[in-house]
Amino acid sequence: MIGIVSLFADFTYEGSRSIVGPYLAQLGASGTAVGIIAGLGELLGYGLRMLSGRISDKTGYFWPITILGYVVQMFAVPLLALAGSWQVAALLIVAERIGKATRNPPRNTMLSQAGKEIGYGWVFGLHEALDQTGALLGPLAVAVILAKQGHYQTAFAMLLAPAILTIVLVLIARWIYPAPGIVEKHDTEAQGKKYPRAFWIYLIGAALVAAGFPDFSLMSFHFEKADALPDMWIPIFYSISMATGGIGSLVFGKLFDRMGIVILVPLTLVTAIFVPLVFLGGFWAALAGSMLWGLGMGVHESIIPAAVSTMVPVARRASAYGVFSAAYGISWFIGSAIIGWLYDMSIPALVGFSVAAELLAIPFFLMMAKRKA
């Protein structure tokens, strides 16, 4: 049920995210502004999960907090149709990320309960595959609207329909499954313990990956500014990226359950290649780079949270997701701001910074792999 909810949620907000870069460019934003907006959105979108996770653990209100987050997120997207300036659009983009921050820790904790039975990697991989199905269909629908109407505002307004459907579905899920798997007794002693050292080592590696990972809004901004491809193709590229990520999350989720964290080493190496392809190449290189970017996003949303489930007991898991996401988001914000500034200064320097940050994460993943072995 949560996977189906996520399918329509991703249809809505990923459809939006596929065009916010060129939309901001059309409204007069600079590359630096786009980088800061994307980074601030991720900072709040990840940082506020610490608060959401802690409240979820303390109160046990997993469903109410999840539903609140979906409501905020879903209605921020169609309101972009009414934005008359890039500053107003920026506020709505950030509000969408805040909604996601609110609902993710309690939702992931509920998902992790299923992972205890059928495998953490498979649960998060399957969920991400449904996520990415929506993320594939949403941008394609947006591309059709742009081909027929040519207006970004019309595309944002169209996304009101799947937004409403998402809210209806999450309410149905709450009605059918009022306590989905939150059945383990909360160990009071576990709640008082510190997070294990492995958690912090893993967090450093994940934060480096986040710092070097450009957001698609800057990539699409580049496509618009460099005239690398027609406007209609930008959301199509995004859809292809999401399809790649969805397939990858299923495959690598299963591999994670068999091999553990070591699977992140080759994945980080491969996905680091997308940056030079996107920012230095032509149409076909940008397509290949976008696919690798989608694969990387699939890893971010499936294997990375699955690994946290294996390190922290359920009594502190929502809080752990919050702490992890806060550090992850701060790193993403700092990296995005630097990447946006470098875009205005020197694209080769942007590429060098991104690739270096990704590669620096690998020793930390190797440390984790040896600990598990």
Protein backbone atom coordinates (compact mmCIF):
# COMPACT_ATOMS: atom_id res chain seq x y z
CA MET A 1 0.00 0.00 0.00
CA ILE A 2 2.80 2.43 0.86
CA GLY A 3 4.47 1.56 -2.44
CA ILE A 4 1.28 2.43 -4.34
CA VAL A 5 0.96 5.67 -2.38
CA SER A 6 4.56 6.47 -3.30
CA LEU A 7 3.90 5.72 -6.96
CA PHE A 8 1.32 8.52 -7.19
CA ALA A 9 3.29 10.81 -4.90
CA ASP A 10 6.33 10.48 -7.13
CA PHE A 11 4.15 10.99 -10.21
CA THR A 12 3.31 14.36 -8.69
CA TYR A 13 6.54 15.71 -7.24
CA GLU A 14 8.99 14.08 -9.65
CA GLY A 15 6.90 15.36 -12.52
CA SER A 16 7.40 18.79 -10.97
CA ARG A 17 11.12 18.32 -10.27
CA SER A 18 11.72 17.37 -13.91
CA ILE A 19 10.96 20.93 -15.00
CA VAL A 20 11.70 23.22 -12.03
CA GLY A 21 15.21 23.93 -13.38
CA PRO A 22 14.09 25.40 -16.73
CA TYR A 23 11.07 26.97 -15.00
CA LEU A 24 13.38 28.85 -12.63
CA ALA A 25 15.54 29.84 -15.59
CA GLN A 26 12.45 31.18 -17.36
CA LEU A 27 11.56 33.16 -14.23
CA GLY A 28 15.04 34.75 -14.22
CA ALA A 29 17.03 32.77 -11.64
CA SER A 30 20.82 32.38 -11.94
CA GLY A 31 22.84 29.16 -11.76
CA THR A 32 23.99 30.07 -8.26
CA ALA A 33 20.38 30.67 -7.18
CA VAL A 34 19.27 27.31 -8.60
CA GLY A 35 22.10 25.52 -6.79
CA ILE A 36 21.23 27.22 -3.49
CA ILE A 37 17.49 26.56 -3.90
CA ALA A 38 18.13 22.88 -4.65
CA GLY A 39 20.59 22.63 -1.78
CA LEU A 40 18.35 24.47 0.70
CA GLY A 41 15.47 22.21 -0.26
CA GLU A 42 17.59 19.14 0.41
CA LEU A 43 18.98 20.68 3.63
CA LEU A 44 15.49 21.18 5.06
CA GLY A 45 14.18 18.06 3.35
CA TYR A 46 16.79 15.95 5.13
CA GLY A 47 17.58 18.08 8.19
CA LEU A 48 14.00 18.28 9.46
CA ARG A 49 13.80 14.49 9.40
CA MET A 50 15.75 14.54 12.67
CA LEU A 51 12.82 16.32 14.33
CA SER A 52 10.22 14.19 12.56
CA GLY A 53 12.02 10.96 13.48
CA ARG A 54 12.44 11.93 17.13
CA ILE A 55 8.78 12.93 17.46
CA SER A 56 7.71 9.67 15.77
CA ASP A 57 9.78 7.57 18.21
CA LYS A 58 8.60 9.55 21.24
CA THR A 59 4.89 9.61 20.39
CA GLY A 60 4.38 6.51 18.24
CA TYR A 61 2.27 8.68 15.88
CA PHE A 62 3.73 7.10 12.76
CA TRP A 63 0.61 7.45 10.62
CA PRO A 64 -0.48 11.01 11.58
CA ILE A 65 3.02 12.39 10.93
CA THR A 66 3.27 10.49 7.65
CA ILE A 67 -0.11 11.82 6.48
CA LEU A 68 0.74 15.42 7.46
CA GLY A 69 3.91 15.23 5.40
CA TYR A 70 2.10 13.96 2.32
CA VAL A 71 -0.52 16.73 2.57
CA VAL A 72 2.12 19.49 2.72
CA GLN A 73 4.18 17.97 -0.08
CA MET A 74 1.33 17.22 -2.46
CA PHE A 75 -0.26 20.66 -2.37
CA ALA A 76 3.01 22.59 -2.71
CA VAL A 77 3.50 21.15 -6.22
CA PRO A 78 0.38 22.37 -8.11
CA LEU A 79 0.70 25.77 -6.43
CA LEU A 80 3.84 26.29 -8.54
CA ALA A 81 1.44 27.06 -11.40
CA LEU A 82 0.59 30.30 -9.59
CA ALA A 83 4.18 31.39 -8.87
CA GLY A 84 4.80 34.77 -10.47
CA SER A 85 8.51 35.01 -9.61
CA TRP A 86 11.43 32.68 -9.03
CA GLN A 87 11.45 33.66 -5.35
CA VAL A 88 7.86 32.44 -4.85
CA ALA A 89 8.64 29.29 -6.83
CA ALA A 90 11.68 28.73 -4.59
CA LEU A 91 9.50 28.88 -1.45
CA LEU A 92 7.14 26.26 -2.87
CA ILE A 93 10.03 24.03 -3.96
CA VAL A 94 11.40 24.17 -0.43
CA ALA A 95 7.91 23.53 1.05
CA GLU A 96 7.65 20.37 -1.03
CA ARG A 97 10.94 19.14 0.43
CA ILE A 98 9.72 19.98 3.98
CA GLY A 99 6.65 17.80 3.41
CA LYS A 100 8.87 14.94 2.32
CA ALA A 101 11.07 15.45 5.39
CA THR A 102 8.05 15.19 7.67
CA ARG A 103 6.74 11.88 6.36
CA ASN A 104 9.91 9.93 5.54
CA PRO A 105 11.25 8.76 8.97
CA PRO A 106 7.94 7.33 10.24
CA ARG A 107 7.15 5.83 6.85
CA ASN A 108 10.61 4.23 6.55
CA THR A 109 10.29 2.82 10.06
CA MET A 110 7.01 1.16 9.09
CA LEU A 111 8.66 -0.21 5.95
CA SER A 112 11.63 -1.53 7.92
CA GLN A 113 9.29 -3.76 9.92
CA ALA A 114 8.43 -5.61 6.72
CA GLY A 115 12.16 -5.75 5.95
CA LYS A 116 12.72 -7.78 9.10
CA GLU A 117 10.65 -10.56 7.51
CA ILE A 118 11.59 -10.47 3.82
CA GLY A 119 14.92 -8.59 3.71
CA TYR A 120 15.71 -4.92 4.20
CA GLY A 121 17.27 -4.49 0.77
CA TRP A 122 14.32 -6.13 -0.97
CA VAL A 123 11.70 -4.10 0.93
CA PHE A 124 13.35 -0.77 0.23
CA GLY A 125 14.25 -1.85 -3.30
CA LEU A 126 10.67 -2.89 -4.09
CA HIS A 127 9.33 0.31 -2.58
CA GLU A 128 11.82 2.35 -4.60
CA ALA A 129 10.83 0.50 -7.79
CA LEU A 130 7.20 1.54 -7.27
CA ASP A 131 8.47 5.03 -6.40
CA GLN A 132 10.39 5.18 -9.63
CA THR A 133 7.44 3.92 -11.65
CA GLY A 134 5.61 7.06 -10.62
CA ALA A 135 8.75 9.08 -11.20
CA LEU A 136 8.85 7.67 -14.74
CA LEU A 137 5.19 8.36 -15.55
CA GLY A 138 4.98 11.86 -14.02
CA PRO A 139 7.70 13.48 -16.13
CA LEU A 140 6.36 11.73 -19.25
CA ALA A 141 2.93 13.24 -18.58
CA VAL A 142 4.60 16.61 -18.11
CA ALA A 143 6.45 16.17 -21.42
CA VAL A 144 3.13 15.50 -23.19
CA ILE A 145 1.61 18.64 -21.66
CA LEU A 146 4.63 20.71 -22.77
CA ALA A 147 4.44 19.25 -26.28
CA LYS A 148 0.76 20.16 -26.57
CA GLN A 149 0.56 23.39 -24.56
CA GLY A 150 4.14 24.54 -24.16
CA HIS A 151 3.46 26.12 -20.74
CA TYR A 152 5.13 25.08 -17.51
CA GLN A 153 2.21 26.50 -15.50
CA THR A 154 -0.24 24.13 -17.23
CA ALA A 155 1.99 21.16 -16.40
CA PHE A 156 2.13 22.12 -12.70
CA ALA A 157 -1.65 22.60 -12.57
CA MET A 158 -2.20 19.15 -14.13
CA LEU A 159 -0.31 17.58 -11.21
CA LEU A 160 -3.16 18.50 -8.83
CA ALA A 161 -5.02 15.31 -9.87
CA PRO A 162 -2.34 12.76 -8.80
CA ALA A 163 -1.68 14.90 -5.69
CA ILE A 164 -5.28 14.48 -4.53
CA LEU A 165 -5.21 10.77 -5.39
CA THR A 166 -2.07 10.36 -3.24
CA ILE A 167 -3.82 11.84 -0.21
CA VAL A 168 -6.85 9.59 -0.72
CA LEU A 169 -4.64 6.48 -1.00
CA VAL A 170 -2.58 7.23 2.10
CA LEU A 171 -5.79 7.68 4.09
CA ILE A 172 -7.05 4.33 2.77
CA ALA A 173 -3.73 2.71 3.74
CA ARG A 174 -4.07 4.14 7.26
CA TRP A 175 -7.62 2.77 7.50
CA ILE A 176 -6.67 -0.74 6.33
CA TYR A 177 -3.39 -0.99 8.27
CA PRO A 178 -3.71 1.16 11.42
CA ALA A 179 -0.56 -0.40 12.99
CA PRO A 180 1.50 -1.87 10.12
CA GLY A 181 4.23 -3.92 11.76
CA ILE A 182 5.08 -1.58 14.64
CA VAL A 183 4.75 -4.55 16.95
CA GLU A 184 8.24 -4.94 18.41
CA LYS A 185 8.36 -3.81 22.00
CA HIS A 186 10.29 -0.58 22.34
CA ASP A 187 13.32 -1.52 24.37
CA THR A 188 13.76 1.30 26.92
CA GLU A 189 17.42 0.40 27.41
CA ALA A 190 18.03 0.53 23.63
CA GLN A 191 16.45 3.99 23.46
CA GLY A 192 19.07 5.32 25.86
CA LYS A 193 22.10 3.90 24.07
CA LYS A 194 24.29 5.82 21.65
CA TYR A 195 24.29 4.97 17.97
CA PRO A 196 26.95 2.37 17.09
CA ARG A 197 30.30 3.50 15.67
CA ALA A 198 29.47 1.76 12.39
CA PHE A 199 26.53 4.15 11.97
CA TRP A 200 28.83 7.20 12.08
CA ILE A 201 31.43 5.71 9.72
CA TYR A 202 28.69 4.90 7.26
CA LEU A 203 27.22 8.38 7.63
CA ILE A 204 30.53 10.05 6.65
CA GLY A 205 30.68 8.04 3.43
CA ALA A 206 27.04 8.76 2.59
CA ALA A 207 27.50 12.48 3.31
CA LEU A 208 30.42 12.66 0.86
CA VAL A 209 28.28 11.00 -1.80
CA ALA A 210 25.55 13.58 -1.18
CA ALA A 211 28.00 16.51 -1.37
CA GLY A 212 29.17 15.52 -4.82
CA PHE A 213 25.75 14.68 -6.26
CA PRO A 214 24.26 17.50 -8.39
CA ASP A 215 20.48 17.82 -8.29
CA PHE A 216 18.53 17.31 -11.51
CA SER A 217 17.30 20.90 -11.25
CA LEU A 218 20.83 22.12 -11.97
CA MET A 219 21.27 19.49 -14.69
CA SER A 220 18.04 20.60 -16.39
CA PHE A 221 19.07 24.24 -15.89
CA HIS A 222 22.29 23.39 -17.75
CA PHE A 223 20.35 21.67 -20.56
CA GLU A 224 18.27 24.84 -20.97
CA LYS A 225 21.19 27.30 -20.77
CA ALA A 226 23.51 25.27 -23.01
CA ASP A 227 20.69 24.48 -25.45
CA ALA A 228 21.85 20.86 -25.17
CA LEU A 229 18.40 19.44 -25.99
CA PRO A 230 14.86 20.67 -26.75
CA ASP A 231 12.67 21.57 -23.74
CA MET A 232 10.33 18.64 -24.34
CA TRP A 233 13.24 16.20 -23.95
CA ILE A 234 14.19 17.40 -20.45
CA PRO A 235 11.31 15.65 -18.62
CA ILE A 236 11.77 12.63 -20.91
CA PHE A 237 15.40 12.38 -19.79
CA TYR A 238 14.17 12.58 -16.23
CA SER A 239 11.68 9.76 -16.84
CA ILE A 240 14.42 7.58 -18.31
CA SER A 241 16.56 8.34 -15.24
CA MET A 242 13.74 7.26 -12.95
CA ALA A 243 13.20 4.03 -14.90
CA THR A 244 16.90 3.21 -14.57
CA GLY A 245 16.77 3.94 -10.85
CA GLY A 246 13.68 1.78 -10.35
CA ILE A 247 15.18 -1.26 -12.08
CA GLY A 248 18.49 -0.72 -10.31
CA SER A 249 16.86 -0.48 -6.89
CA LEU A 250 15.24 -3.92 -7.34
CA VAL A 251 18.45 -5.56 -8.53
CA PHE A 252 20.78 -3.91 -6.04
CA GLY A 253 18.30 -4.27 -3.18
CA LYS A 254 18.51 -8.05 -3.61
CA LEU A 255 22.31 -7.85 -3.92
CA PHE A 256 22.48 -5.80 -0.73
CA ASP A 257 20.66 -8.56 1.17
CA ARG A 258 23.22 -11.08 -0.14
CA MET A 259 26.45 -9.05 -0.14
CA GLY A 260 25.91 -6.19 2.31
CA ILE A 261 27.36 -2.67 2.15
CA VAL A 262 30.24 -3.68 -0.13
CA ILE A 263 27.82 -3.35 -3.06
CA LEU A 264 28.01 0.45 -2.57
CA VAL A 265 31.65 0.51 -3.69
CA PRO A 266 31.14 -0.41 -7.39
CA LEU A 267 27.89 1.55 -7.47
CA THR A 268 29.62 4.73 -6.26
CA LEU A 269 32.38 4.27 -8.84
CA VAL A 270 29.92 3.83 -11.69
CA THR A 271 27.57 6.67 -10.75
CA ALA A 272 30.47 9.16 -10.35
CA ILE A 273 30.85 9.03 -14.13
CA PHE A 274 27.52 10.76 -14.73
CA VAL A 275 28.81 14.26 -13.88
CA PRO A 276 31.27 14.70 -16.79
CA LEU A 277 28.81 13.05 -19.17
CA VAL A 278 26.01 15.47 -18.24
CA PHE A 279 27.98 18.72 -18.03
CA LEU A 280 30.62 18.19 -20.71
CA GLY A 281 28.91 15.99 -23.29
CA GLY A 282 26.30 16.37 -26.01
CA PHE A 283 22.84 14.83 -26.37
CA TRP A 284 23.80 11.15 -26.12
CA ALA A 285 26.38 11.68 -23.40
CA ALA A 286 23.79 13.66 -21.42
CA LEU A 287 21.32 10.79 -21.86
CA ALA A 288 23.85 8.24 -20.57
CA GLY A 289 24.76 10.55 -17.71
CA SER A 290 21.10 11.07 -16.79
CA MET A 291 20.61 7.30 -16.64
CA LEU A 292 23.59 6.92 -14.30
CA TRP A 293 22.23 9.81 -12.22
CA GLY A 294 18.93 7.92 -11.92
CA LEU A 295 20.80 4.79 -10.85
CA GLY A 296 22.53 6.84 -8.17
CA MET A 297 19.21 8.25 -6.94
CA GLY A 298 17.83 4.73 -6.72
CA VAL A 299 20.77 3.80 -4.50
CA HIS A 300 20.18 6.90 -2.33
CA GLU A 301 16.55 5.98 -1.75
CA SER A 302 16.85 2.20 -1.33
CA ILE A 303 20.22 0.77 -0.25
CA ILE A 304 21.28 3.72 1.90
CA PRO A 305 18.17 3.60 4.17
CA ALA A 306 18.17 -0.21 4.11
CA ALA A 307 21.70 -0.21 5.56
CA VAL A 308 20.61 2.01 8.47
CA SER A 309 17.95 -0.58 9.37
CA THR A 310 20.67 -3.18 9.92
CA MET A 311 22.66 -0.95 12.32
CA VAL A 312 20.06 0.48 14.69
CA PRO A 313 17.37 -1.26 16.82
CA VAL A 314 13.73 -0.48 16.05
CA ALA A 315 13.31 1.49 19.29
CA ARG A 316 15.62 4.20 17.90
CA ARG A 317 15.22 3.65 14.18
CA ALA A 318 13.02 6.64 13.31
CA SER A 319 15.39 8.90 15.26
CA ALA A 320 18.38 7.31 13.53
CA TYR A 321 16.81 7.96 10.14
CA GLY A 322 16.32 11.55 11.23
CA VAL A 323 19.92 12.06 12.40
CA PHE A 324 21.29 10.32 9.32
CA SER A 325 19.10 12.38 7.00
CA ALA A 326 20.00 15.66 8.74
CA ALA A 327 23.73 15.14 8.20
CA TYR A 328 23.04 13.89 4.68
CA GLY A 329 20.97 16.99 3.90
CA ILE A 330 23.51 19.43 5.33
CA SER A 331 26.18 17.83 3.18
CA TRP A 332 23.88 17.95 0.13
CA PHE A 333 23.15 21.64 0.74
CA ILE A 334 26.81 22.60 1.07
CA GLY A 335 27.72 20.52 -1.97
CA SER A 336 24.84 21.91 -4.06
CA ALA A 337 25.73 25.50 -3.19
CA ILE A 338 29.37 24.88 -4.18
CA ILE A 339 28.34 23.07 -7.36
CA GLY A 340 25.93 25.87 -8.32
CA TRP A 341 28.63 28.50 -7.74
CA LEU A 342 31.17 26.46 -9.71
CA TYR A 343 28.68 26.17 -12.57
CA ASP A 344 28.76 29.97 -12.96
CA MET A 345 32.57 30.00 -12.63
CA SER A 346 33.94 26.88 -14.34
CA ILE A 347 32.13 23.72 -15.44
CA PRO A 348 35.37 21.61 -15.46
CA ALA A 349 35.92 22.66 -11.82
CA LEU A 350 32.35 21.57 -11.05
CA VAL A 351 33.06 18.15 -12.57
CA GLY A 352 36.31 17.80 -10.62
CA PHE A 353 34.68 18.67 -7.30
CA SER A 354 31.74 16.27 -7.80
CA VAL A 355 33.83 13.30 -8.89
CA ALA A 356 36.36 13.84 -6.08
CA ALA A 357 33.64 13.91 -3.40
CA GLU A 358 32.11 10.68 -4.72
CA LEU A 359 35.45 8.87 -4.80
CA LEU A 360 36.36 10.02 -1.28
CA ALA A 361 33.31 8.14 0.03
CA ILE A 362 34.60 4.76 -1.12
CA PRO A 363 37.18 4.18 1.69
CA PHE A 364 34.42 4.61 4.28
CA PHE A 365 32.22 2.04 2.55
CA LEU A 366 35.20 -0.31 2.38
CA MET A 367 35.73 0.15 6.13
CA MET A 368 32.12 -0.82 6.71
CA ALA A 369 32.40 -3.83 4.42
CA LYS A 370 35.44 -5.11 6.35
CA ARG A 371 33.64 -4.64 9.68
CA LYS A 372 30.71 -6.69 8.43
CA ALA A 373 33.05 -9.37 7.11
